[in-house]
N, C-alpha and C. Protein backbone atom coordinates (compact mmCIF):
# COMPACT_ATOMS: atom_id res chain seq x y z
N MET A 1 -85.00 -5.53 -16.77
CA MET A 1 -83.45 -4.84 -17.39
C MET A 1 -82.65 -6.00 -15.85
N VAL A 2 -81.72 -6.48 -16.21
CA VAL A 2 -80.36 -6.78 -15.34
C VAL A 2 -79.73 -5.92 -15.54
N PHE A 3 -78.26 -5.61 -14.31
CA PHE A 3 -77.55 -4.53 -14.03
C PHE A 3 -76.68 -5.24 -13.83
N LYS A 4 -75.60 -5.75 -14.42
CA LYS A 4 -74.37 -6.40 -14.04
C LYS A 4 -73.27 -5.40 -12.89
N SER A 5 -72.94 -5.72 -12.01
CA SER A 5 -72.05 -4.92 -11.49
C SER A 5 -70.66 -5.31 -11.62
N GLU A 6 -69.85 -4.19 -11.84
CA GLU A 6 -68.58 -4.65 -12.08
C GLU A 6 -67.11 -4.06 -11.22
N SER A 7 -67.80 -3.79 -9.72
CA SER A 7 -66.92 -3.15 -8.60
C SER A 7 -66.33 -4.51 -8.57
N GLY A 8 -66.61 -5.83 -8.46
CA GLY A 8 -65.82 -6.94 -7.97
C GLY A 8 -64.95 -6.87 -9.45
N VAL A 9 -64.75 -6.82 -10.78
CA VAL A 9 -64.01 -7.16 -11.41
C VAL A 9 -62.68 -5.77 -11.41
N ALA A 10 -63.57 -4.65 -10.69
CA ALA A 10 -62.26 -3.23 -10.58
C ALA A 10 -61.43 -3.75 -9.75
N LEU A 11 -61.98 -4.42 -8.35
CA LEU A 11 -61.36 -4.55 -7.23
C LEU A 11 -60.38 -5.66 -7.55
N ILE A 12 -60.37 -6.51 -8.46
CA ILE A 12 -59.52 -7.93 -9.14
C ILE A 12 -58.51 -7.00 -9.48
N ILE A 13 -58.73 -5.76 -10.38
CA ILE A 13 -57.93 -5.00 -11.30
C ILE A 13 -56.89 -4.66 -10.63
N ALA A 14 -57.79 -3.69 -9.78
CA ALA A 14 -57.17 -3.15 -8.38
C ALA A 14 -55.84 -3.91 -7.74
N ILE A 15 -56.22 -4.89 -7.37
CA ILE A 15 -55.20 -5.71 -6.54
C ILE A 15 -54.34 -6.47 -7.53
N LEU A 16 -54.33 -6.93 -8.47
CA LEU A 16 -53.27 -7.12 -9.65
C LEU A 16 -52.29 -6.01 -9.97
N VAL A 17 -53.04 -4.30 -10.24
CA VAL A 17 -52.28 -3.40 -10.35
C VAL A 17 -51.56 -2.93 -9.12
N ALA A 18 -51.92 -3.60 -8.24
CA ALA A 18 -51.22 -3.20 -6.60
C ALA A 18 -50.19 -4.00 -6.64
N PHE A 19 -50.41 -5.10 -6.62
CA PHE A 19 -49.43 -6.28 -6.88
C PHE A 19 -47.61 -6.54 -7.77
N VAL A 20 -48.64 -5.81 -8.55
CA VAL A 20 -47.61 -5.44 -10.11
C VAL A 20 -46.69 -4.48 -9.66
N ILE A 21 -47.12 -3.07 -8.95
CA ILE A 21 -45.98 -2.18 -8.52
C ILE A 21 -45.50 -2.55 -7.30
N LEU A 22 -46.08 -3.40 -6.35
CA LEU A 22 -45.24 -3.94 -5.21
C LEU A 22 -43.97 -4.88 -5.82
N VAL A 23 -44.09 -5.86 -6.81
CA VAL A 23 -43.42 -6.17 -7.39
C VAL A 23 -41.72 -5.52 -8.01
N LEU A 24 -42.38 -4.70 -8.54
CA LEU A 24 -41.49 -3.55 -9.64
C LEU A 24 -40.88 -2.72 -8.43
N GLY A 25 -41.81 -2.32 -7.54
CA GLY A 25 -40.64 -1.62 -5.85
C GLY A 25 -40.07 -2.46 -5.12
N SER A 26 -40.34 -3.64 -5.64
CA SER A 26 -38.93 -4.28 -4.61
C SER A 26 -38.11 -4.99 -5.32
N MET A 27 -38.10 -5.25 -6.86
CA MET A 27 -36.68 -5.48 -7.37
C MET A 27 -36.10 -4.10 -7.44
N ALA A 28 -36.53 -2.66 -7.79
CA ALA A 28 -36.06 -1.76 -7.80
C ALA A 28 -35.32 -1.38 -6.24
N LEU A 29 -35.66 -1.97 -5.16
CA LEU A 29 -35.03 -2.15 -3.80
C LEU A 29 -33.80 -2.31 -3.73
N TYR A 30 -34.32 -3.80 -4.49
CA TYR A 30 -33.02 -4.70 -4.42
C TYR A 30 -32.08 -4.79 -5.17
N ILE A 31 -32.06 -4.11 -6.24
CA ILE A 31 -31.23 -3.37 -7.10
C ILE A 31 -30.47 -3.00 -6.86
N SER A 32 -30.83 -1.73 -6.06
CA SER A 32 -30.56 -0.89 -5.34
C SER A 32 -29.54 -0.80 -4.59
N THR A 33 -30.27 -1.68 -3.56
CA THR A 33 -29.48 -1.99 -1.96
C THR A 33 -28.03 -3.12 -2.97
N GLN A 34 -28.09 -3.78 -4.05
CA GLN A 34 -27.05 -4.45 -4.29
C GLN A 34 -25.92 -3.33 -4.79
N SER A 35 -26.55 -2.75 -5.53
CA SER A 35 -25.88 -1.34 -6.25
C SER A 35 -24.60 -0.45 -5.07
N THR A 36 -25.46 -0.16 -3.80
CA THR A 36 -24.89 0.40 -2.89
C THR A 36 -23.77 -0.71 -2.42
N LYS A 37 -24.13 -2.10 -2.02
CA LYS A 37 -23.49 -2.71 -1.52
C LYS A 37 -21.91 -2.89 -2.00
N VAL A 38 -22.55 -3.42 -3.40
CA VAL A 38 -21.01 -2.94 -4.10
C VAL A 38 -20.08 -2.07 -4.42
N SER A 39 -20.84 -0.85 -4.75
CA SER A 39 -20.11 0.59 -4.17
C SER A 39 -19.55 0.81 -2.83
N GLY A 40 -20.00 0.21 -2.13
CA GLY A 40 -19.44 0.37 -0.89
C GLY A 40 -18.19 -0.50 -0.52
N GLU A 41 -18.13 -2.50 -1.00
CA GLU A 41 -17.39 -2.31 -0.85
C GLU A 41 -16.04 -2.36 -1.92
N PHE A 42 -16.21 -2.00 -2.70
CA PHE A 42 -15.23 -1.27 -3.94
C PHE A 42 -14.56 -0.37 -3.09
N SER A 43 -15.38 0.75 -2.70
CA SER A 43 -14.68 2.23 -1.82
C SER A 43 -14.04 1.64 -0.65
N VAL A 44 -14.17 0.33 0.56
CA VAL A 44 -13.56 0.01 1.52
C VAL A 44 -12.06 -0.21 0.98
N TYR A 45 -12.16 -1.33 -0.46
CA TYR A 45 -10.78 -1.88 -0.48
C TYR A 45 -9.85 -0.82 -1.04
N ARG A 46 -10.30 0.24 -1.65
CA ARG A 46 -9.60 0.97 -2.30
C ARG A 46 -9.19 2.25 -1.78
N SER A 47 -10.11 2.17 -0.33
CA SER A 47 -9.36 3.30 0.81
C SER A 47 -8.05 2.53 1.15
N SER A 48 -8.00 1.09 1.41
CA SER A 48 -7.17 0.46 2.05
C SER A 48 -5.76 0.61 1.41
N VAL A 49 -5.87 0.47 -0.14
CA VAL A 49 -5.31 0.59 -0.82
C VAL A 49 -4.28 2.27 -0.87
N GLU A 50 -5.36 3.12 -0.88
CA GLU A 50 -4.63 4.43 -0.76
C GLU A 50 -4.37 4.59 0.04
N ALA A 51 -4.60 4.13 1.27
CA ALA A 51 -4.18 4.15 2.78
C ALA A 51 -2.43 3.66 2.72
N ALA A 52 -2.23 2.65 1.74
CA ALA A 52 -1.10 1.91 2.00
C ALA A 52 0.12 2.88 0.93
N ASN A 53 -0.46 3.31 -0.21
CA ASN A 53 0.10 4.00 -1.04
C ASN A 53 0.48 5.15 -0.74
N GLY A 54 -0.22 6.14 0.35
CA GLY A 54 0.15 7.27 0.95
C GLY A 54 0.89 7.10 2.07
N ALA A 55 1.02 5.74 3.12
CA ALA A 55 2.38 5.81 3.77
C ALA A 55 3.55 5.10 3.13
N PHE A 56 3.73 4.86 2.18
CA PHE A 56 4.76 5.05 1.03
C PHE A 56 5.28 6.18 0.44
N ARG A 57 4.18 7.14 0.30
CA ARG A 57 4.73 8.69 -0.56
C ARG A 57 5.39 9.25 0.43
N GLU A 58 4.51 9.26 2.18
CA GLU A 58 5.28 9.46 3.33
C GLU A 58 6.73 9.12 3.67
N THR A 59 7.01 7.93 3.54
CA THR A 59 8.11 7.01 3.91
C THR A 59 9.12 7.51 2.71
N GLU A 60 8.96 7.98 1.43
CA GLU A 60 9.37 8.07 0.46
C GLU A 60 10.58 9.34 0.39
N ALA A 61 9.60 10.14 1.21
CA ALA A 61 10.39 11.18 1.18
C ALA A 61 10.84 11.77 3.02
N ILE A 62 11.37 10.77 3.53
CA ILE A 62 12.23 10.64 5.07
C ILE A 62 13.15 9.72 4.36
N LEU A 63 13.33 9.12 3.54
CA LEU A 63 14.31 7.79 3.19
C LEU A 63 15.57 8.37 3.31
N GLY A 64 16.09 9.54 2.43
CA GLY A 64 16.97 10.49 2.28
C GLY A 64 17.68 10.35 3.80
N TYR A 65 16.53 11.33 4.58
CA TYR A 65 17.05 11.31 6.00
C TYR A 65 17.59 10.30 6.87
N ILE A 66 16.98 8.94 7.03
CA ILE A 66 16.87 7.74 7.76
C ILE A 66 18.23 7.31 7.20
N LYS A 67 18.44 7.03 5.78
CA LYS A 67 19.50 6.48 5.05
C LYS A 67 20.73 7.14 5.53
N GLU A 68 21.06 8.46 6.07
CA GLU A 68 22.10 9.19 6.21
C GLU A 68 21.94 9.39 7.30
N SER A 69 21.00 9.09 8.41
CA SER A 69 21.58 9.26 10.20
C SER A 69 20.98 10.45 10.41
N LYS A 70 19.91 10.96 9.55
CA LYS A 70 20.04 12.96 10.00
C LYS A 70 18.40 12.95 10.52
N SER A 71 18.05 14.02 11.60
CA SER A 71 17.40 14.40 11.36
C SER A 71 16.43 14.50 10.56
N PHE A 72 14.76 14.22 10.90
CA PHE A 72 13.92 14.58 10.15
C PHE A 72 12.86 15.02 10.25
N PRO A 73 11.96 16.18 9.98
CA PRO A 73 10.56 16.09 10.53
C PRO A 73 9.55 14.96 10.59
N VAL A 74 9.35 14.40 11.56
CA VAL A 74 8.23 13.40 11.71
C VAL A 74 6.91 13.83 11.47
N PRO A 75 6.54 12.94 10.19
CA PRO A 75 4.96 13.31 10.50
C PRO A 75 4.06 12.88 11.34
N TYR A 76 3.07 13.65 11.62
CA TYR A 76 2.46 13.56 12.82
C TYR A 76 1.72 12.10 13.01
N ASN A 77 1.61 11.41 11.60
CA ASN A 77 0.72 10.22 11.17
C ASN A 77 1.91 9.11 11.65
N ILE A 78 2.73 9.43 11.83
CA ILE A 78 4.08 8.07 12.16
C ILE A 78 3.76 7.19 13.85
N VAL A 79 3.03 6.51 13.84
CA VAL A 79 2.63 6.35 15.13
C VAL A 79 4.24 5.67 15.75
N ASP A 80 4.71 4.64 15.05
CA ASP A 80 5.89 4.67 15.49
C ASP A 80 7.57 4.01 14.49
N ASN A 81 8.25 4.58 14.75
CA ASN A 81 9.40 4.32 13.79
C ASN A 81 10.84 3.99 14.45
N LYS A 82 11.39 2.61 13.83
CA LYS A 82 12.30 1.81 14.37
C LYS A 82 13.77 2.99 13.47
N THR A 83 14.10 3.77 13.78
CA THR A 83 14.51 5.08 12.48
C THR A 83 16.07 3.96 12.63
N THR A 84 16.75 3.71 13.87
CA THR A 84 18.42 2.91 13.75
C THR A 84 17.94 1.77 13.04
N CYS A 85 17.15 0.87 13.00
CA CYS A 85 17.10 -0.04 12.12
C CYS A 85 17.10 0.02 10.93
N LEU A 86 15.72 1.07 10.26
CA LEU A 86 15.96 1.31 9.12
C LEU A 86 17.30 1.96 8.40
N ASN A 87 17.79 2.85 9.63
CA ASN A 87 19.74 3.02 9.02
C ASN A 87 20.46 1.95 8.77
N TYR A 88 20.14 0.76 9.65
CA TYR A 88 21.00 -0.39 9.53
C TYR A 88 20.36 -1.46 8.11
N LYS A 89 19.43 -1.65 7.77
CA LYS A 89 18.90 -2.54 6.73
C LYS A 89 18.69 -1.68 5.42
N LEU A 90 18.94 -0.40 5.52
CA LEU A 90 18.75 0.76 4.09
C LEU A 90 20.51 0.67 3.35
N ASN A 91 21.78 0.81 4.88
CA ASN A 91 22.80 0.80 4.35
C ASN A 91 23.49 -0.64 4.24
N THR A 92 23.02 -1.91 4.73
CA THR A 92 23.65 -2.88 4.42
C THR A 92 22.95 -3.82 3.79
N PRO A 93 23.44 -4.48 2.74
CA PRO A 93 23.18 -5.42 2.15
C PRO A 93 22.29 -6.68 3.17
N SER A 94 21.31 -7.32 2.31
CA SER A 94 20.55 -8.34 3.44
C SER A 94 21.37 -9.36 3.48
N LEU A 95 22.09 -9.88 2.70
CA LEU A 95 23.17 -11.19 2.69
C LEU A 95 24.01 -10.71 3.78
N SER A 96 24.29 -9.68 4.05
CA SER A 96 25.05 -9.45 4.98
C SER A 96 24.32 -9.10 6.53
N TRP A 97 23.31 -9.15 6.63
CA TRP A 97 22.55 -8.86 7.82
C TRP A 97 22.69 -10.32 8.87
N THR A 98 22.74 -9.39 10.24
CA THR A 98 23.26 -10.45 10.62
C THR A 98 22.29 -10.49 12.60
N ASN A 99 21.71 -12.02 13.28
CA ASN A 99 20.81 -11.53 14.12
C ASN A 99 21.32 -10.57 15.14
N SER A 100 22.69 -10.06 15.53
CA SER A 100 23.10 -9.66 16.67
C SER A 100 22.93 -8.31 16.32
N ASP A 101 23.37 -8.17 14.50
CA ASP A 101 23.19 -6.50 14.02
C ASP A 101 21.82 -5.73 14.36
N LEU A 102 20.98 -6.86 13.89
CA LEU A 102 19.40 -6.62 13.77
C LEU A 102 18.68 -6.40 15.30
N THR A 103 19.61 -7.33 16.24
CA THR A 103 19.20 -6.55 17.67
C THR A 103 19.93 -5.27 18.54
N SER A 104 20.92 -5.34 17.99
CA SER A 104 22.07 -4.04 18.57
C SER A 104 21.22 -2.60 17.72
N ASN A 105 20.64 -3.00 16.33
CA ASN A 105 20.25 -1.52 15.97
C ASN A 105 18.59 -1.49 15.87
N GLY A 106 18.40 -2.53 17.02
CA GLY A 106 16.70 -2.08 17.82
C GLY A 106 15.63 -2.53 16.86
N CYS A 107 15.59 -3.59 15.64
CA CYS A 107 14.77 -4.09 15.00
C CYS A 107 14.04 -5.02 15.68
N LEU A 108 12.53 -4.70 15.44
CA LEU A 108 11.61 -5.89 15.87
C LEU A 108 11.75 -7.41 15.71
N ALA A 109 12.36 -7.34 14.66
CA ALA A 109 12.72 -8.28 14.06
C ALA A 109 13.97 -9.34 14.00
N ARG A 110 14.52 -9.40 15.30
CA ARG A 110 15.71 -9.67 15.72
C ARG A 110 16.48 -10.39 15.10
N THR A 111 16.03 -11.72 14.09
CA THR A 111 16.66 -12.35 13.68
C THR A 111 16.62 -12.25 11.80
N VAL A 112 17.28 -12.74 11.44
CA VAL A 112 17.54 -12.52 9.80
C VAL A 112 16.54 -13.37 8.97
N SER A 113 15.88 -14.40 9.92
CA SER A 113 14.81 -15.25 8.64
C SER A 113 13.38 -14.28 8.95
N LEU A 114 13.01 -13.46 10.47
CA LEU A 114 12.02 -12.89 10.45
C LEU A 114 11.84 -11.73 9.87
N ALA A 115 12.95 -11.12 9.86
CA ALA A 115 13.42 -9.32 8.92
C ALA A 115 13.00 -9.82 7.70
N GLU A 116 13.73 -11.01 7.02
CA GLU A 116 13.09 -11.25 5.75
C GLU A 116 12.15 -12.05 5.19
N ASP A 117 10.83 -12.13 6.14
CA ASP A 117 9.78 -12.78 5.97
C ASP A 117 8.67 -11.61 5.62
N THR A 118 8.13 -11.90 4.51
CA THR A 118 6.97 -11.19 3.81
C THR A 118 5.44 -11.32 4.29
N SER A 119 5.45 -12.52 5.16
CA SER A 119 3.92 -13.15 5.35
C SER A 119 3.73 -12.08 5.98
N ILE A 120 1.74 -11.37 5.62
CA ILE A 120 1.39 -10.47 6.48
C ILE A 120 1.58 -10.32 7.91
N ASP A 121 1.39 -11.17 8.82
CA ASP A 121 1.45 -11.42 9.84
C ASP A 121 3.10 -11.07 10.72
N LYS A 122 4.03 -11.48 9.97
CA LYS A 122 5.17 -10.65 9.98
C LYS A 122 5.71 -9.51 9.72
N ILE A 123 4.91 -8.88 8.71
CA ILE A 123 4.93 -7.70 8.30
C ILE A 123 4.62 -6.99 9.28
N ILE A 124 3.30 -7.08 9.93
CA ILE A 124 2.48 -6.14 11.18
C ILE A 124 3.51 -6.63 12.19
N ASP A 125 3.72 -7.46 12.48
CA ASP A 125 4.18 -7.82 13.95
C ASP A 125 6.22 -7.02 13.86
N TYR A 126 6.68 -7.10 12.92
CA TYR A 126 8.14 -6.64 12.81
C TYR A 126 8.36 -5.86 12.03
N TYR A 127 7.33 -4.82 11.93
CA TYR A 127 7.47 -3.14 11.50
C TYR A 127 8.38 -3.04 11.19
N ASP A 128 8.93 -1.68 10.43
CA ASP A 128 9.89 -0.91 10.59
C ASP A 128 9.33 0.50 10.45
N LEU A 129 8.21 0.68 10.18
CA LEU A 129 7.12 2.03 10.14
C LEU A 129 6.00 1.74 11.02
N LYS A 130 5.05 2.28 11.62
CA LYS A 130 3.97 2.44 11.66
C LYS A 130 3.13 3.66 11.59
N TYR A 131 2.34 3.72 10.76
CA TYR A 131 1.50 5.10 10.26
C TYR A 131 -0.15 4.86 11.05
N SER A 132 -0.72 5.73 11.26
CA SER A 132 -1.77 6.09 11.19
C SER A 132 -2.80 6.90 10.47
N LEU A 133 -3.67 6.57 9.40
CA LEU A 133 -4.36 7.23 8.31
C LEU A 133 -5.25 6.66 8.41
N GLY A 134 -5.96 8.13 8.71
CA GLY A 134 -7.34 8.03 9.03
C GLY A 134 -8.05 6.98 9.55
N SER A 135 -8.96 5.67 8.90
CA SER A 135 -8.96 4.11 10.34
C SER A 135 -8.28 3.21 10.31
N TYR A 136 -6.82 3.81 9.39
CA TYR A 136 -6.03 2.47 8.82
C TYR A 136 -5.13 2.39 9.92
N TYR A 137 -4.61 1.37 9.80
CA TYR A 137 -3.23 1.67 10.72
C TYR A 137 -2.24 0.64 9.19
N VAL A 138 -1.19 1.13 8.94
CA VAL A 138 -0.44 1.04 7.70
C VAL A 138 1.13 0.42 8.50
N TYR A 139 1.75 -0.75 7.90
CA TYR A 139 2.71 -1.34 8.62
C TYR A 139 4.17 -1.75 7.59
N LEU A 140 5.02 -0.97 7.38
CA LEU A 140 6.27 -0.83 6.24
C LEU A 140 7.40 -1.89 6.86
N LYS A 141 7.98 -2.16 5.92
CA LYS A 141 8.97 -3.42 6.65
C LYS A 141 9.98 -3.44 5.21
N VAL A 142 10.78 -3.23 5.38
CA VAL A 142 12.08 -3.67 4.62
C VAL A 142 12.78 -4.84 4.38
N VAL A 143 12.73 -5.69 3.56
CA VAL A 143 12.46 -7.05 3.52
C VAL A 143 13.64 -7.68 3.01
N ASN A 144 14.34 -6.59 2.07
CA ASN A 144 15.82 -7.07 1.65
C ASN A 144 16.52 -5.74 0.71
N THR A 145 17.79 -5.80 0.77
CA THR A 145 18.39 -4.48 -0.03
C THR A 145 19.54 -5.20 -0.56
N SER A 146 20.02 -4.44 -1.55
CA SER A 146 20.84 -5.47 -2.75
C SER A 146 21.24 -3.86 -3.26
N LEU A 147 22.55 -4.49 -3.91
CA LEU A 147 23.89 -3.18 -4.70
C LEU A 147 23.25 -2.91 -5.60
N GLY A 148 22.90 -2.22 -5.90
CA GLY A 148 22.08 -1.49 -7.57
C GLY A 148 23.68 -1.58 -8.66
N ASN A 149 23.26 -0.48 -9.58
CA ASN A 149 24.21 -0.73 -10.91
C ASN A 149 25.84 -0.35 -10.15
N THR A 150 25.17 0.85 -9.41
CA THR A 150 26.49 1.67 -9.01
C THR A 150 26.22 2.01 -7.59
N GLN A 151 27.47 2.36 -6.54
CA GLN A 151 27.44 2.58 -5.31
C GLN A 151 27.64 4.06 -5.47
N ALA A 152 28.12 4.94 -6.56
CA ALA A 152 28.28 6.18 -6.79
C ALA A 152 26.58 6.83 -6.35
N PRO A 153 26.84 8.02 -5.95
CA PRO A 153 26.01 8.89 -5.72
C PRO A 153 24.44 9.07 -7.05
N ARG A 154 23.18 9.06 -6.64
CA ARG A 154 22.24 9.44 -8.26
C ARG A 154 22.45 10.69 -8.08
N LYS A 155 22.80 11.02 -9.57
CA LYS A 155 22.35 12.07 -10.29
C LYS A 155 21.97 12.46 -11.43
N GLY A 156 20.84 11.60 -11.86
CA GLY A 156 20.38 11.24 -12.80
C GLY A 156 21.28 10.77 -14.09
N LEU A 157 20.79 11.09 -15.29
CA LEU A 157 21.38 10.90 -16.72
C LEU A 157 22.74 11.80 -16.52
N VAL A 158 24.04 10.63 -17.02
CA VAL A 158 25.46 11.48 -17.12
C VAL A 158 25.81 11.17 -18.50
N VAL A 159 26.86 12.28 -18.88
CA VAL A 159 27.43 12.16 -20.50
C VAL A 159 28.39 12.40 -19.82
N GLY A 160 29.11 11.20 -20.93
CA GLY A 160 30.48 11.16 -20.27
C GLY A 160 31.21 10.21 -21.16
N GLY A 161 32.26 10.42 -21.20
CA GLY A 161 33.78 9.32 -22.22
C GLY A 161 32.91 9.28 -23.98
N THR A 162 33.92 9.05 -24.57
CA THR A 162 33.65 9.12 -25.85
C THR A 162 33.84 7.61 -26.40
N THR A 163 33.63 7.38 -27.41
CA THR A 163 34.01 6.09 -27.93
C THR A 163 35.10 5.91 -29.29
N SER A 164 35.24 7.48 -29.56
CA SER A 164 36.33 7.72 -30.68
C SER A 164 36.80 8.83 -30.31
N ASN A 165 37.85 9.24 -30.16
CA ASN A 165 38.58 10.71 -30.05
C ASN A 165 38.27 11.46 -31.23
N LYS A 166 38.24 10.78 -32.43
CA LYS A 166 37.99 11.66 -33.57
C LYS A 166 36.86 12.65 -33.87
N HIS A 167 35.59 11.45 -33.30
CA HIS A 167 34.65 11.63 -33.77
C HIS A 167 33.90 12.38 -31.92
N GLY A 168 34.28 12.07 -30.83
CA GLY A 168 33.66 12.74 -29.99
C GLY A 168 32.56 12.16 -29.96
N ILE A 169 32.16 10.69 -29.79
CA ILE A 169 30.66 10.64 -29.85
C ILE A 169 30.84 10.33 -28.56
N ASN A 170 29.33 10.92 -28.04
CA ASN A 170 28.76 10.72 -26.03
C ASN A 170 28.23 10.05 -25.66
N ILE A 171 28.31 8.97 -24.81
CA ILE A 171 27.74 7.87 -24.02
C ILE A 171 26.90 8.13 -23.10
N LYS A 172 25.62 8.07 -22.88
CA LYS A 172 24.99 8.24 -21.61
C LYS A 172 24.49 6.73 -20.84
N PHE A 173 25.24 7.00 -19.73
CA PHE A 173 25.43 5.90 -18.43
C PHE A 173 23.86 5.79 -18.16
N ALA A 174 22.99 4.99 -17.55
CA ALA A 174 22.42 4.36 -16.70
C ALA A 174 22.30 5.19 -15.63
N PRO A 175 20.93 5.89 -14.96
CA PRO A 175 21.22 6.82 -13.63
C PRO A 175 21.80 6.05 -12.53
N PRO A 176 22.73 6.31 -11.78
CA PRO A 176 23.09 5.54 -10.93
C PRO A 176 21.90 4.97 -9.84
N ALA A 177 22.14 3.62 -9.16
CA ALA A 177 21.33 3.41 -8.35
C ALA A 177 22.08 2.57 -6.88
N PRO A 178 22.31 3.11 -6.29
CA PRO A 178 23.39 2.29 -5.29
C PRO A 178 22.70 1.21 -4.91
N TYR A 179 21.57 1.61 -4.42
CA TYR A 179 20.84 0.24 -3.59
C TYR A 179 19.20 -0.31 -4.56
N ILE A 180 18.98 -1.39 -3.94
CA ILE A 180 17.59 -1.62 -4.62
C ILE A 180 16.94 -2.40 -3.34
N TYR A 181 15.82 -1.79 -3.15
CA TYR A 181 15.47 -2.01 -1.57
C TYR A 181 13.79 -2.78 -2.08
N ARG A 182 13.53 -3.91 -1.38
CA ARG A 182 11.92 -4.47 -1.91
C ARG A 182 11.29 -4.43 -0.02
N ILE A 183 10.41 -3.18 -0.35
CA ILE A 183 9.60 -2.82 0.65
C ILE A 183 8.26 -3.25 0.85
N GLU A 184 7.96 -4.32 2.10
CA GLU A 184 6.65 -4.60 1.99
C GLU A 184 5.62 -3.52 2.62
N ILE A 185 4.15 -3.42 2.41
CA ILE A 185 3.71 -2.35 3.29
C ILE A 185 1.96 -2.86 3.38
N VAL A 186 1.70 -3.21 4.48
CA VAL A 186 0.31 -3.70 4.88
C VAL A 186 -0.39 -2.45 5.48
N SER A 187 -1.92 -2.51 5.10
CA SER A 187 -2.37 -1.26 5.90
C SER A 187 -3.71 -2.19 5.94
N VAL A 188 -4.41 -2.12 7.41
CA VAL A 188 -5.11 -2.83 8.13
C VAL A 188 -6.46 -1.77 8.92
N SER A 189 -7.55 -1.99 8.50
CA SER A 189 -8.73 -1.15 8.92
C SER A 189 -8.85 -1.18 10.33
N LYS A 190 -8.84 -0.10 11.28
CA LYS A 190 -8.58 -0.21 13.01
C LYS A 190 -9.82 -0.98 13.52
N LEU A 191 -10.99 -1.14 12.51
CA LEU A 191 -12.47 -1.74 12.98
C LEU A 191 -12.64 -2.98 12.56
N ASN A 192 -12.33 -3.15 11.43
CA ASN A 192 -12.14 -4.60 10.66
C ASN A 192 -11.09 -5.04 9.78
N PRO A 193 -10.82 -6.10 10.79
CA PRO A 193 -9.63 -7.34 10.13
C PRO A 193 -9.23 -7.40 9.00
N ASN A 194 -10.60 -7.67 8.56
CA ASN A 194 -10.94 -8.19 7.30
C ASN A 194 -10.56 -7.34 5.94
N ASP A 195 -10.56 -6.21 6.39
CA ASP A 195 -10.37 -5.04 5.19
C ASP A 195 -8.94 -5.03 5.46
N PHE A 196 -7.97 -5.17 4.41
CA PHE A 196 -6.77 -5.02 4.72
C PHE A 196 -6.55 -5.04 3.08
N SER A 197 -4.86 -4.45 2.65
CA SER A 197 -4.34 -4.33 1.70
C SER A 197 -2.53 -4.97 1.87
N HIS A 198 -2.07 -5.60 0.85
CA HIS A 198 -1.05 -5.92 1.01
C HIS A 198 -0.30 -5.60 -0.09
N ILE A 199 0.85 -4.61 -0.42
CA ILE A 199 1.71 -3.98 -1.38
C ILE A 199 3.19 -4.11 -1.52
N SER A 200 3.72 -4.83 -2.48
CA SER A 200 5.38 -5.36 -2.26
C SER A 200 5.98 -3.68 -3.54
N VAL A 201 6.68 -3.51 -3.01
CA VAL A 201 7.61 -1.90 -3.54
C VAL A 201 8.59 -2.52 -3.81
N LEU A 202 9.70 -2.41 -4.81
CA LEU A 202 10.71 -2.38 -5.58
C LEU A 202 11.15 -0.79 -5.43
N TYR A 203 12.24 -0.32 -4.70
CA TYR A 203 12.87 0.59 -4.68
C TYR A 203 14.05 1.17 -4.88
N ALA A 204 14.55 2.23 -5.96
CA ALA A 204 15.98 1.97 -6.25
C ALA A 204 16.26 3.64 -5.73
N PHE A 205 17.09 3.47 -4.82
CA PHE A 205 17.48 4.46 -4.44
C PHE A 205 19.04 4.94 -3.95
């Protein structure tokens, strides 16, 4: 009677099963790592955009004070602000900006060409407002001021005038917008200069 040993076959099967499990585990680990990496990159980018948006919302709340040269509660996260420069830029069409006025009003960009420059490095170097928001620095710069549809104060939709005295038809005028501003915003990570965002805002006020 001959007995055949099955231990060799069992060992080979066990090795093959272990190899398959190892391959599947490696694939799962790779997919998980890539997923985490992509998710992390998206989160970082989104955070830089949110920092830029947050800085603009803060700025929007104080623009009226600055424009009218009124004192305002300075948000704790403002690192530096060129209030006098902003007041000049907000109340003067950019076609009338002069090098001497930019200098006398304390603007970092002391020439018209630099004041209107929208490149990222010039926004960072010649900002009008600088914020510290979490792990980001955010720089804001007014690069253009244009006259809007009217210089009257903003009052929302206004009803007035008639097209016919007989029927008394009311006319609704567009909301007054004395000035239109182009504001450039750059947010940069304090730890990684390659993590940044650049937003352009067209703002009527």
